[in-house]
Structures are given as structure tokens and as C-alpha cells.
C-alpha atoms as a PDB file:
ATOM      1  CA  UNK A   1      -1.279   5.518   4.947  1.00  0.00           C
ATOM      2  CA  UNK A   2      -0.831   1.863   3.631  1.00  0.00           C
ATOM      3  CA  UNK A   3      -2.559   0.758   0.522  1.00  0.00           C
ATOM      4  CA  UNK A   4      -2.943  -2.793   0.628  1.00  0.00           C
ATOM      5  CA  UNK A   5      -4.584  -5.337  -1.683  1.00  0.00           C
ATOM      6  CA  UNK A   6      -3.560  -8.552  -3.597  1.00  0.00           C
ATOM      7  CA  UNK A   7      -0.847  -8.372  -6.298  1.00  0.00           C
ATOM      8  CA  UNK A   8      -1.973  -6.396  -9.214  1.00  0.00           C
ATOM      9  CA  UNK A   9      -5.056  -5.233  -7.319  1.00  0.00           C
ATOM     10  CA  UNK A  10      -4.386  -1.506  -8.418  1.00  0.00           C
ATOM     11  CA  UNK A  11      -2.465  -0.486  -5.437  1.00  0.00           C
ATOM     12  CA  UNK A  12       0.327   1.071  -7.720  1.00  0.00           C
ATOM     13  CA  UNK A  13      -2.200   3.059  -9.981  1.00  0.00           C
ATOM     14  CA  UNK A  14      -4.240   4.339  -6.973  1.00  0.00           C
ATOM     15  CA  UNK A  15      -0.892   5.353  -5.036  1.00  0.00           C
ATOM     16  CA  UNK A  16       0.242   7.039  -7.947  1.00  0.00           C
ATOM     17  CA  UNK A  17      -3.042   9.022  -8.371  1.00  0.00           C
ATOM     18  CA  UNK A  18      -2.963   9.866  -4.748  1.00  0.00           C
ATOM     19  CA  UNK A  19       0.713  11.042  -4.955  1.00  0.00           C
ATOM     20  CA  UNK A  20      -0.189  13.327  -7.551  1.00  0.00           C
ATOM     21  CA  UNK A  21      -3.446  14.638  -5.594  1.00  0.00           C
ATOM     22  CA  UNK A  22      -1.320  15.333  -2.632  1.00  0.00           C
ATOM     23  CA  UNK A  23       1.318  16.881  -4.282  1.00  0.00           C
ATOM     24  CA  UNK A  24      -1.198  19.259  -6.078  1.00  0.00           C
ATOM     25  CA  UNK A  25      -1.919  20.459  -2.871  1.00  0.00           C
ATOM     26  CA  UNK A  26       1.443  21.223  -1.851  1.00  0.00           C
ATOM     27  CA  UNK A  27       2.158  17.969   0.475  1.00  0.00           C
ATOM     28  CA  UNK A  28       5.496  16.442   0.644  1.00  0.00           C
ATOM     29  CA  UNK A  29       4.791  12.954  -0.152  1.00  0.00           C
ATOM     30  CA  UNK A  30       6.815   9.629  -0.948  1.00  0.00           C
ATOM     31  CA  UNK A  31       5.634   6.137  -2.140  1.00  0.00           C
ATOM     32  CA  UNK A  32       7.464   3.445  -0.683  1.00  0.00           C
ATOM     33  CA  UNK A  33       6.556   0.876  -3.319  1.00  0.00           C
ATOM     34  CA  UNK A  34       7.494  -2.536  -2.383  1.00  0.00           C
ATOM     35  CA  UNK A  35       8.899  -3.838  -5.607  1.00  0.00           C
ATOM     36  CA  UNK A  36      11.497  -1.108  -5.787  1.00  0.00           C
ATOM     37  CA  UNK A  37      12.341  -1.419  -2.283  1.00  0.00           C
ATOM     38  CA  UNK A  38      12.584  -5.145  -2.549  1.00  0.00           C
ATOM     39  CA  UNK A  39      15.326  -4.615  -4.968  1.00  0.00           C
ATOM     40  CA  UNK A  40      17.296  -2.546  -2.753  1.00  0.00           C
ATOM     41  CA  UNK A  41      16.929  -4.475   0.353  1.00  0.00           C
ATOM     42  CA  UNK A  42      16.409  -8.076  -0.764  1.00  0.00           C
ATOM     43  CA  UNK A  43      18.247  -8.245  -4.118  1.00  0.00           C
ATOM     44  CA  UNK A  44      17.774 -11.897  -4.335  1.00  0.00           C
ATOM     45  CA  UNK A  45      14.202 -12.339  -2.942  1.00  0.00           C
ATOM     46  CA  UNK A  46      13.164 -15.632  -1.546  1.00  0.00           C
ATOM     47  CA  UNK A  47       9.614 -14.579  -0.691  1.00  0.00           C
ATOM     48  CA  UNK A  48       9.556 -16.657   2.343  1.00  0.00           C
ATOM     49  CA  UNK A  49       7.922 -15.604   5.576  1.00  0.00           C
ATOM     50  CA  UNK A  50      11.167 -14.883   7.236  1.00  0.00           C
ATOM     51  CA  UNK A  51      12.245 -12.726   4.450  1.00  0.00           C
ATOM     52  CA  UNK A  52       8.936 -10.877   4.424  1.00  0.00           C
ATOM     53  CA  UNK A  53       8.955 -10.332   8.384  1.00  0.00           C
ATOM     54  CA  UNK A  54      12.460  -8.669   7.783  1.00  0.00           C
ATOM     55  CA  UNK A  55      11.438  -6.667   4.425  1.00  0.00           C
ATOM     56  CA  UNK A  56       8.168  -5.181   6.146  1.00  0.00           C
ATOM     57  CA  UNK A  57       9.882  -4.273   9.315  1.00  0.00           C
ATOM     58  CA  UNK A  58      12.511  -2.289   7.328  1.00  0.00           C
ATOM     59  CA  UNK A  59       9.718  -0.224   5.183  1.00  0.00           C
ATOM     60  CA  UNK A  60       7.803   0.510   8.148  1.00  0.00           C
ATOM     61  CA  UNK A  61      10.810   1.683  10.107  1.00  0.00           C
ATOM     62  CA  UNK A  62      11.790   3.956   6.633  1.00  0.00           C
ATOM     63  CA  UNK A  63       8.071   5.106   6.509  1.00  0.00           C
ATOM     64  CA  UNK A  64       8.012   6.039  10.140  1.00  0.00           C
ATOM     65  CA  UNK A  65      11.354   8.011   9.861  1.00  0.00           C
ATOM     66  CA  UNK A  66       9.928   9.964   6.835  1.00  0.00           C
ATOM     67  CA  UNK A  67       6.634  10.586   8.801  1.00  0.00           C
ATOM     68  CA  UNK A  68       8.494  12.089  11.603  1.00  0.00           C
ATOM     69  CA  UNK A  69      10.029  14.586   9.219  1.00  0.00           C
ATOM     70  CA  UNK A  70       6.641  15.783   7.808  1.00  0.00           C
ATOM     71  CA  UNK A  71       6.579  13.694   4.576  1.00  0.00           C
ATOM     72  CA  UNK A  72       3.388  11.964   3.938  1.00  0.00           C
ATOM     73  CA  UNK A  73       4.160   8.505   3.462  1.00  0.00           C
ATOM     74  CA  UNK A  74       2.277   6.084   0.897  1.00  0.00           C
ATOM     75  CA  UNK A  75       3.115   2.394   1.480  1.00  0.00           C
ATOM     76  CA  UNK A  76       2.246   0.569  -1.876  1.00  0.00           C
ATOM     77  CA  UNK A  77       2.770  -2.854  -0.592  1.00  0.00           C
ATOM     78  CA  UNK A  78       0.429  -5.906  -0.427  1.00  0.00           C
ATOM     79  CA  UNK A  79       1.928  -6.538   3.292  1.00  0.00           C
ATOM     80  CA  UNK A  80       0.171  -9.936   3.183  1.00  0.00           C
ATOM     81  CA  UNK A  81      -0.196 -10.468   7.130  1.00  0.00           C
ATOM     82  CA  UNK A  82      -2.236  -7.863   9.050  1.00  0.00           C
ATOM     83  CA  UNK A  83       0.892  -7.623  11.706  1.00  0.00           C
ATOM     84  CA  UNK A  84       3.318  -6.117   9.088  1.00  0.00           C
ATOM     85  CA  UNK A  85       0.346  -3.147   8.540  1.00  0.00           C
ATOM     86  CA  UNK A  86       0.012  -3.255  12.209  1.00  0.00           C
ATOM     87  CA  UNK A  87       3.737  -2.906  12.827  1.00  0.00           C
ATOM     88  CA  UNK A  88       3.571   0.486  10.669  1.00  0.00           C
ATOM     89  CA  UNK A  89       0.350   1.715  12.395  1.00  0.00           C
ATOM     90  CA  UNK A  90       2.285   1.394  15.602  1.00  0.00           C
ATOM     91  CA  UNK A  91       4.856   3.332  14.655  1.00  0.00           C
ATOM     92  CA  UNK A  92       2.960   6.006  12.760  1.00  0.00           C
ATOM     93  CA  UNK A  93       0.660   7.616  15.009  1.00  0.00           C
ATOM     94  CA  UNK A  94      -1.256   9.374  12.086  1.00  0.00           C
ATOM     95  CA  UNK A  95      -2.049   6.367   9.912  1.00  0.00           C
ATOM     96  CA  UNK A  96      -4.545   5.385   7.608  1.00  0.00           C
ATOM     97  CA  UNK A  97      -5.058   1.629   5.952  1.00  0.00           C
ATOM     98  CA  UNK A  98      -6.462   1.502   2.304  1.00  0.00           C
ATOM     99  CA  UNK A  99      -7.865  -1.585   1.093  1.00  0.00           C
ATOM    100  CA  UNK A 100      -7.893  -2.148  -2.701  1.00  0.00           C
ATOM    101  CA  UNK A 101     -10.405  -4.997  -2.953  1.00  0.00           C
ATOM    102  CA  UNK A 102     -10.116  -6.796  -6.251  1.00  0.00           C
ATOM    103  CA  UNK A 103     -11.069 -10.327  -6.956  1.00  0.00           C
ATOM    104  CA  UNK A 104      -8.451 -12.520  -7.616  1.00  0.00           C
ATOM    105  CA  UNK A 105      -9.672 -13.638 -10.668  1.00  0.00           C
ATOM    106  CA  UNK A 106      -9.451  -9.765 -11.811  1.00  0.00           C
ATOM    107  CA  UNK A 107      -5.922  -9.495 -10.266  1.00  0.00           C
ATOM    108  CA  UNK A 108      -4.567 -12.771 -12.305  1.00  0.00           C
ATOM    109  CA  UNK A 109      -6.014 -11.438 -15.426  1.00  0.00           C
ATOM    110  CA  UNK A 110      -4.301  -8.148 -15.203  1.00  0.00           C
ATOM    111  CA  UNK A 111      -0.785  -9.591 -13.725  1.00  0.00           C
ATOM    112  CA  UNK A 112       1.293  -6.780 -15.384  1.00  0.00           C
ATOM    113  CA  UNK A 113       4.324  -8.062 -13.780  1.00  0.00           C
ATOM    114  CA  UNK A 114       3.753 -11.905 -14.230  1.00  0.00           C
ATOM    115  CA  UNK A 115       3.576 -12.410 -10.446  1.00  0.00           C
ATOM    116  CA  UNK A 116       1.031 -15.056 -10.808  1.00  0.00           C
ATOM    117  CA  UNK A 117       2.880 -17.065 -13.421  1.00  0.00           C
ATOM    118  CA  UNK A 118       6.408 -16.741 -11.833  1.00  0.00           C
ATOM    119  CA  UNK A 119       5.625 -19.575  -9.081  1.00  0.00           C
ATOM    120  CA  UNK A 120       6.666 -17.432  -5.977  1.00  0.00           C
ATOM    121  CA  UNK A 121       4.510 -17.959  -2.943  1.00  0.00           C
ATOM    122  CA  UNK A 122       2.035 -15.284  -4.208  1.00  0.00           C
ATOM    123  CA  UNK A 123      -0.148 -13.792  -1.675  1.00  0.00           C
ATOM    124  CA  UNK A 124      -3.898 -15.161  -2.439  1.00  0.00           C
ATOM    125  CA  UNK A 125      -2.715 -18.398  -3.813  1.00  0.00           C
ATOM    126  CA  UNK A 126       0.378 -19.992  -2.122  1.00  0.00           C
ATOM    127  CA  UNK A 127       0.546 -17.489   0.656  1.00  0.00           C
ATOM    128  CA  UNK A 128      -2.014 -16.094   2.988  1.00  0.00           C
ATOM    129  CA  UNK A 129      -3.314 -12.713   2.478  1.00  0.00           C
ATOM    130  CA  UNK A 130      -5.303 -11.304   5.277  1.00  0.00           C
ATOM    131  CA  UNK A 131      -7.521  -8.471   4.428  1.00  0.00           C
ATOM    132  CA  UNK A 132      -7.832  -5.640   6.738  1.00  0.00           C
ATOM    133  CA  UNK A 133     -10.451  -6.111   9.468  1.00  0.00           C
ATOM    134  CA  UNK A 134     -11.509  -2.441   9.559  1.00  0.00           C
ATOM    135  CA  UNK A 135      -9.978  -0.230   6.575  1.00  0.00           C
ATOM    136  CA  UNK A 136     -10.316   3.405   6.872  1.00  0.00           C
ATOM    137  CA  UNK A 137     -10.870   3.246   2.875  1.00  0.00           C
ATOM    138  CA  UNK A 138     -12.030   0.507   0.436  1.00  0.00           C
ATOM    139  CA  UNK A 139     -11.679   0.864  -3.065  1.00  0.00           C
ATOM    140  CA  UNK A 140     -13.045  -1.564  -5.585  1.00  0.00           C
ATOM    141  CA  UNK A 141     -10.168  -1.885  -7.976  1.00  0.00           C
ATOM    142  CA  UNK A 142     -12.080  -3.288 -10.524  1.00  0.00           C
ATOM    143  CA  UNK A 143     -14.728  -0.940 -10.675  1.00  0.00           C
ATOM    144  CA  UNK A 144     -13.387   2.508  -9.256  1.00  0.00           C
ATOM    145  CA  UNK A 145     -11.310   4.747 -11.263  1.00  0.00           C
ATOM    146  CA  UNK A 146      -8.013   5.574  -9.637  1.00  0.00           C
ATOM    147  CA  UNK A 147      -8.350   9.356  -9.826  1.00  0.00           C
ATOM    148  CA  UNK A 148     -11.734   8.890  -7.852  1.00  0.00           C
ATOM    149  CA  UNK A 149     -10.429   6.531  -5.220  1.00  0.00           C
ATOM    150  CA  UNK A 150      -7.479   9.025  -4.622  1.00  0.00           C
ATOM    151  CA  UNK A 151      -9.985  11.980  -4.064  1.00  0.00           C
ATOM    152  CA  UNK A 152     -12.074   9.556  -1.609  1.00  0.00           C
ATOM    153  CA  UNK A 153      -8.729   8.809   0.228  1.00  0.00           C
ATOM    154  CA  UNK A 154      -7.679  12.440   0.339  1.00  0.00           C
ATOM    155  CA  UNK A 155     -11.348  13.190   1.574  1.00  0.00           C
ATOM    156  CA  UNK A 156     -10.784  10.594   4.484  1.00  0.00           C
ATOM    157  CA  UNK A 157      -7.456  12.240   5.271  1.00  0.00           C
ATOM    158  CA  UNK A 158      -9.349  15.536   5.725  1.00  0.00           C
ATOM    159  CA  UNK A 159     -12.168  14.220   7.625  1.00  0.00           C
ATOM    160  CA  UNK A 160      -9.677  12.568   9.967  1.00  0.00           C
ATOM    161  CA  UNK A 161      -7.521  15.528  10.581  1.00  0.00           C
ATOM    162  CA  UNK A 162      -4.646  14.345   8.432  1.00  0.00           C
ATOM    163  CA  UNK A 163      -4.978  16.960   5.729  1.00  0.00           C
ATOM    164  CA  UNK A 164      -6.380  20.615   5.781  1.00  0.00           C
ATOM    165  CA  UNK A 165      -9.302  20.956   3.606  1.00  0.00           C
ATOM    166  CA  UNK A 166      -8.700  22.561   0.228  1.00  0.00           C
ATOM    167  CA  UNK A 167      -9.046  26.536  -0.162  1.00  0.00           C
END
């Protein structure tokens, strides 16, 4: 599943809670966290559109490869263009899109990594952010605790046939 939202919306916190929930059920899970992968794939990031196109293509491929081997993949990445998330959806047949909908002002006040202060092309400010048109799950990152959000995602996975119901 792809967890998208503005920077500092709560994606990573929800991804960690979801990974914990799935792991507790014995599911092999891997979180593909964009900040970690960006340091590997683009050690000197420019954050321009060409680089983002390449980067999201790379992580979509990596996620598809893991999914083909039975790993539940959680993409923890803004992916500011719908096309990036759609590319992963095309490569991964069993796919969910989770939107962490948090107001920009809240994201800017959190900003644990200093993204909004660094002056890069930040999605939602200098760069466009295209929210999902029809997300499978909407999380209100300024209102919903991460563990509650994770349980709702697990419920959607179960309802969609991506996960067996807990005994």
C-alpha cells in the first residue's frame, strides 16, 4: 500500500504502526521509506521533477519486486504526483492507496525534519501535491491516533481480500 500525504502529515508514524500491526499477525512486511531510499538512490538530491520521476520509478519497481515475493510493502512516500502512485498500482495488482490528509499549517508546525525550512521544492508549497482522487483509506493525521489508523487500514486490507481475518 502507498501511504501518501504532505511532508510531516504523519505518514511515517502511520507506516510504523501499520508495520507493527501486520508483523503481529505474522505478515512479512517491508516499509519503503522515501527519505532512507533517497539517500541511497540520489545521494545528492535536487528535488526537481526529473529526479522525482526517476526516484519514484525506482521505488515502485523495488516495491513490485518485493510484492511478487510475498512481502507486504508499505510505501512511506509523499509521491506528490498521482502518476507516481498510479505507476506502482499498475505494477502491483493487490494495491491500496492511503491518504494521510493533514492541513498544511499542521504539517508546517510539526516539520520534524525541517523540510519546510530547507527551501527545497516542497510538495504543497513550491511543488504541486496531487492528493488521491479515490483513496482506499483516508486518515486525518491531525485527529486520528496512528494505531487507530493502522487498524482501519488492516480492516480495509481484510475487506479487500488482501489479508485474512484475524482468528
